[in-house]
Protein backbone atom coordinates (compact mmCIF):
# COMPACT_ATOMS: atom_id res chain seq x y z
CA UNK A 1 -64.91 92.93 -110.27
CA UNK A 2 -68.57 91.95 -109.92
CA UNK A 3 -70.22 88.57 -110.14
CA UNK A 4 -72.15 88.25 -113.43
CA UNK A 5 -74.75 85.91 -111.83
CA UNK A 6 -75.90 88.67 -109.52
CA UNK A 7 -75.22 86.73 -106.32
CA UNK A 8 -73.89 89.31 -103.89
CA UNK A 9 -73.10 86.90 -101.05
CA UNK A 10 -70.39 84.96 -102.90
CA UNK A 11 -67.10 86.51 -103.88
CA UNK A 12 -66.24 86.64 -107.53
CA UNK A 13 -64.38 83.66 -108.89
CA UNK A 14 -60.69 84.19 -109.40
CA UNK A 15 -59.39 82.34 -112.46
CA UNK A 16 -55.98 81.93 -110.80
CA UNK A 17 -57.55 80.04 -107.88
CA UNK A 18 -59.75 77.71 -109.91
CA UNK A 19 -59.95 74.07 -108.88
CA UNK A 20 -58.72 71.37 -111.21
CA UNK A 21 -59.51 67.77 -110.26
CA UNK A 22 -56.52 65.43 -110.05
CA UNK A 23 -55.87 63.27 -113.08
CA UNK A 24 -57.47 59.88 -112.98
CA UNK A 25 -55.21 56.89 -112.90
CA UNK A 26 -55.90 53.37 -114.03
CA UNK A 27 -56.04 50.87 -111.13
CA UNK A 28 -53.17 48.43 -110.95
CA UNK A 29 -54.05 45.03 -112.42
CA UNK A 30 -54.55 42.19 -109.92
CA UNK A 31 -51.75 39.68 -109.76
CA UNK A 32 -52.05 36.80 -107.29
CA UNK A 33 -49.07 36.21 -105.08
CA UNK A 34 -47.05 33.07 -105.57
CA UNK A 35 -46.21 31.03 -102.50
CA UNK A 36 -43.51 28.43 -102.34
CA UNK A 37 -44.66 25.09 -100.87
CA UNK A 38 -43.13 24.29 -97.49
CA UNK A 39 -40.05 22.16 -97.31
CA UNK A 40 -40.47 18.45 -96.63
CA UNK A 41 -40.81 18.37 -92.84
CA UNK A 42 -43.21 16.94 -90.25
CA UNK A 43 -45.88 19.57 -90.83
CA UNK A 44 -46.73 18.25 -94.28
CA UNK A 45 -48.87 15.13 -94.36
CA UNK A 46 -47.69 12.16 -96.32
CA UNK A 47 -49.68 10.39 -99.02
CA UNK A 48 -53.23 9.45 -97.98
CA UNK A 49 -53.76 6.01 -96.53
CA UNK A 50 -55.89 3.63 -98.56
CA UNK A 51 -59.51 3.36 -97.43
CA UNK A 52 -61.04 -0.06 -96.99
CA UNK A 53 -63.96 -0.64 -99.38
CA UNK A 54 -67.39 -0.69 -97.80
CA UNK A 55 -69.40 -3.87 -98.18
CA UNK A 56 -72.17 -3.75 -100.71
CA UNK A 57 -75.71 -3.81 -99.33
CA UNK A 58 -78.64 -5.40 -101.16
CA UNK A 59 -80.89 -2.94 -103.04
CA UNK A 60 -83.57 -1.25 -100.83
CA UNK A 61 -81.68 -1.73 -97.56
CA UNK A 62 -79.59 0.75 -95.68
CA UNK A 63 -77.14 0.70 -92.81
CA UNK A 64 -77.93 2.59 -89.62
CA UNK A 65 -74.96 4.63 -88.42
CA UNK A 66 -73.58 3.53 -85.07
CA UNK A 67 -74.41 6.91 -83.56
CA UNK A 68 -78.14 6.16 -83.94
CA UNK A 69 -78.19 2.70 -82.42
CA UNK A 70 -79.28 3.07 -78.78
CA UNK A 71 -76.63 2.10 -76.28
CA UNK A 72 -73.84 2.00 -78.86
CA UNK A 73 -71.11 4.58 -78.33
CA UNK A 74 -69.94 6.20 -81.53
CA UNK A 75 -66.29 6.10 -82.34
CA UNK A 76 -64.50 6.41 -85.63
CA UNK A 77 -63.11 3.12 -86.95
CA UNK A 78 -59.79 2.34 -85.32
CA UNK A 79 -60.38 4.84 -82.48
CA UNK A 80 -60.80 3.76 -78.85
CA UNK A 81 -64.28 3.99 -77.31
CA UNK A 82 -64.54 6.26 -74.25
CA UNK A 83 -64.86 4.29 -71.05
CA UNK A 84 -65.98 6.07 -67.86
CA UNK A 85 -63.46 5.96 -65.01
CA UNK A 86 -63.84 3.13 -62.53
CA UNK A 87 -65.73 3.87 -59.30
CA UNK A 88 -63.64 5.19 -56.40
CA UNK A 89 -62.67 3.08 -53.39
CA UNK A 90 -63.73 -0.21 -54.96
CA UNK A 91 -67.48 0.52 -54.76
CA UNK A 92 -69.53 -0.81 -57.66
CA UNK A 93 -71.16 1.79 -59.85
CA UNK A 94 -74.88 1.88 -59.23
CA UNK A 95 -75.95 4.75 -61.50
CA UNK A 96 -77.35 8.11 -60.45
CA UNK A 97 -79.05 8.44 -57.09
CA UNK A 98 -82.85 8.29 -57.24
CA UNK A 99 -84.82 11.49 -56.67
CA UNK A 100 -86.08 11.81 -53.13
CA UNK A 101 -88.63 14.49 -52.39
CA UNK A 102 -87.73 16.50 -49.30
CA UNK A 103 -90.21 16.28 -46.43
CA UNK A 104 -92.87 18.96 -46.12
CA UNK A 105 -91.92 21.67 -43.67
CA UNK A 106 -94.75 24.06 -42.89
CA UNK A 107 -93.99 27.75 -43.02
CA UNK A 108 -94.60 30.19 -40.21
CA UNK A 109 -98.05 29.91 -38.66
CA UNK A 110 -100.79 31.96 -40.24
CA UNK A 111 -101.61 35.16 -38.46
CA UNK A 112 -104.82 35.15 -36.47
CA UNK A 113 -107.82 36.95 -37.76
CA UNK A 114 -108.32 40.54 -36.82
CA UNK A 115 -111.38 39.64 -34.71
CA UNK A 116 -110.13 41.59 -31.70
CA UNK A 117 -109.62 44.68 -33.86
CA UNK A 118 -113.10 44.33 -35.37
CA UNK A 119 -114.64 43.91 -31.92
CA UNK A 120 -112.80 47.04 -30.73
CA UNK A 121 -114.14 49.03 -33.68
CA UNK A 122 -117.71 47.88 -33.04
CA UNK A 123 -117.48 48.76 -29.36
CA UNK A 124 -115.99 52.17 -30.14
CA UNK A 125 -118.77 52.99 -32.61
CA UNK A 126 -121.45 51.80 -30.16
CA UNK A 127 -119.83 54.16 -27.67
CA UNK A 128 -121.75 57.02 -29.33
CA UNK A 129 -124.92 55.50 -27.80
CA UNK A 130 -123.45 54.56 -24.43
CA UNK A 131 -120.08 55.81 -23.24
CA UNK A 132 -119.22 52.56 -21.42
CA UNK A 133 -118.68 50.56 -24.64
CA UNK A 134 -116.32 53.27 -25.92
CA UNK A 135 -114.01 52.54 -22.99
CA UNK A 136 -114.14 48.80 -23.77
CA UNK A 137 -113.45 49.54 -27.48
CA UNK A 138 -110.49 51.71 -26.51
CA UNK A 139 -108.96 48.98 -24.32
CA UNK A 140 -109.53 46.25 -26.92
CA UNK A 141 -108.11 48.52 -29.64
CA UNK A 142 -104.87 49.02 -27.70
CA UNK A 143 -104.57 45.25 -27.11
CA UNK A 144 -105.15 44.60 -30.85
CA UNK A 145 -102.49 47.19 -31.77
CA UNK A 146 -100.02 45.49 -29.44
CA UNK A 147 -100.68 42.12 -31.12
CA UNK A 148 -100.22 43.57 -34.59
CA UNK A 149 -96.93 45.18 -33.56
CA UNK A 150 -95.67 41.78 -32.35
CA UNK A 151 -96.90 40.09 -35.54
CA UNK A 152 -99.40 37.87 -33.72
CA UNK A 153 -102.50 39.19 -35.49
CA UNK A 154 -103.61 41.30 -38.42
CA UNK A 155 -105.92 44.28 -38.66
CA UNK A 156 -103.61 47.14 -37.78
CA UNK A 157 -105.72 49.69 -39.65
CA UNK A 158 -108.96 48.52 -38.02
CA UNK A 159 -107.37 48.59 -34.56
CA UNK A 160 -106.04 52.11 -35.16
CA UNK A 161 -109.49 53.28 -36.26
CA UNK A 162 -111.04 51.72 -33.14
CA UNK A 163 -108.57 53.55 -30.87
CA UNK A 164 -109.13 56.88 -32.62
CA UNK A 165 -112.93 56.57 -32.52
CA UNK A 166 -112.75 55.47 -28.88
CA UNK A 167 -110.75 58.56 -27.91
CA UNK A 168 -113.10 60.84 -29.88
CA UNK A 169 -116.19 59.34 -28.19
CA UNK A 170 -114.64 59.61 -24.73
CA UNK A 171 -113.61 63.23 -25.44
CA UNK A 172 -117.15 64.07 -26.58
CA UNK A 173 -118.70 62.52 -23.45
CA UNK A 174 -116.14 64.25 -21.22
CA UNK A 175 -116.85 67.64 -22.82
CA UNK A 176 -120.62 67.03 -22.61
CA UNK A 177 -120.55 66.24 -18.89
CA UNK A 178 -118.09 69.08 -18.20
CA UNK A 179 -120.45 71.51 -19.93
CA UNK A 180 -123.38 70.19 -17.84
CA UNK A 181 -121.42 70.68 -14.60
CA UNK A 182 -120.36 74.24 -15.54
CA UNK A 183 -123.92 75.20 -16.55
CA UNK A 184 -125.33 73.70 -13.36
CA UNK A 185 -122.78 75.56 -11.22
CA UNK A 186 -123.76 78.87 -12.80
CA UNK A 187 -127.47 78.23 -12.37
CA UNK A 188 -128.18 78.04 -16.07
CA UNK A 189 -130.02 74.70 -15.80
CA UNK A 190 -133.34 75.59 -14.17
């Protein structure tokens, strides 16, 4: 049997396997449940107590509720007003303690300037002109690095640069004078 619509992907409909929707049913009508009132026991309140009439106020005036009058604790009529507990050990109540600002305690001392590190860098750079200041820059740079490691001063980067430049300048002077000595020994400097 072939499908008359020409759709080859779907199988042909079998009339024996056709789908019939279930019959619709009317919803059940709503009926509220009936509850029996509880038996006369202590859980059921008795008749309401009569309320005392409020006094009449003249036209244009109003009564401020007790909750809004400063210093007046609010309590429902006939209810006890909350009283704070008495002070312990017979001491009179004096209210909250006044605020006292704690004394100023200075923090750790400020670190010294990195003047020694800057001086070491200047001496190491001037060492290109004269080798003696490179040695002074190298010594000062090592002292500045020691102080920064102990936390006594700042300028760790400047001190490191001074030490590196100092070693480079000393190495250049050492290689220059070594080359002069070798050339002089071979008779090349005439």
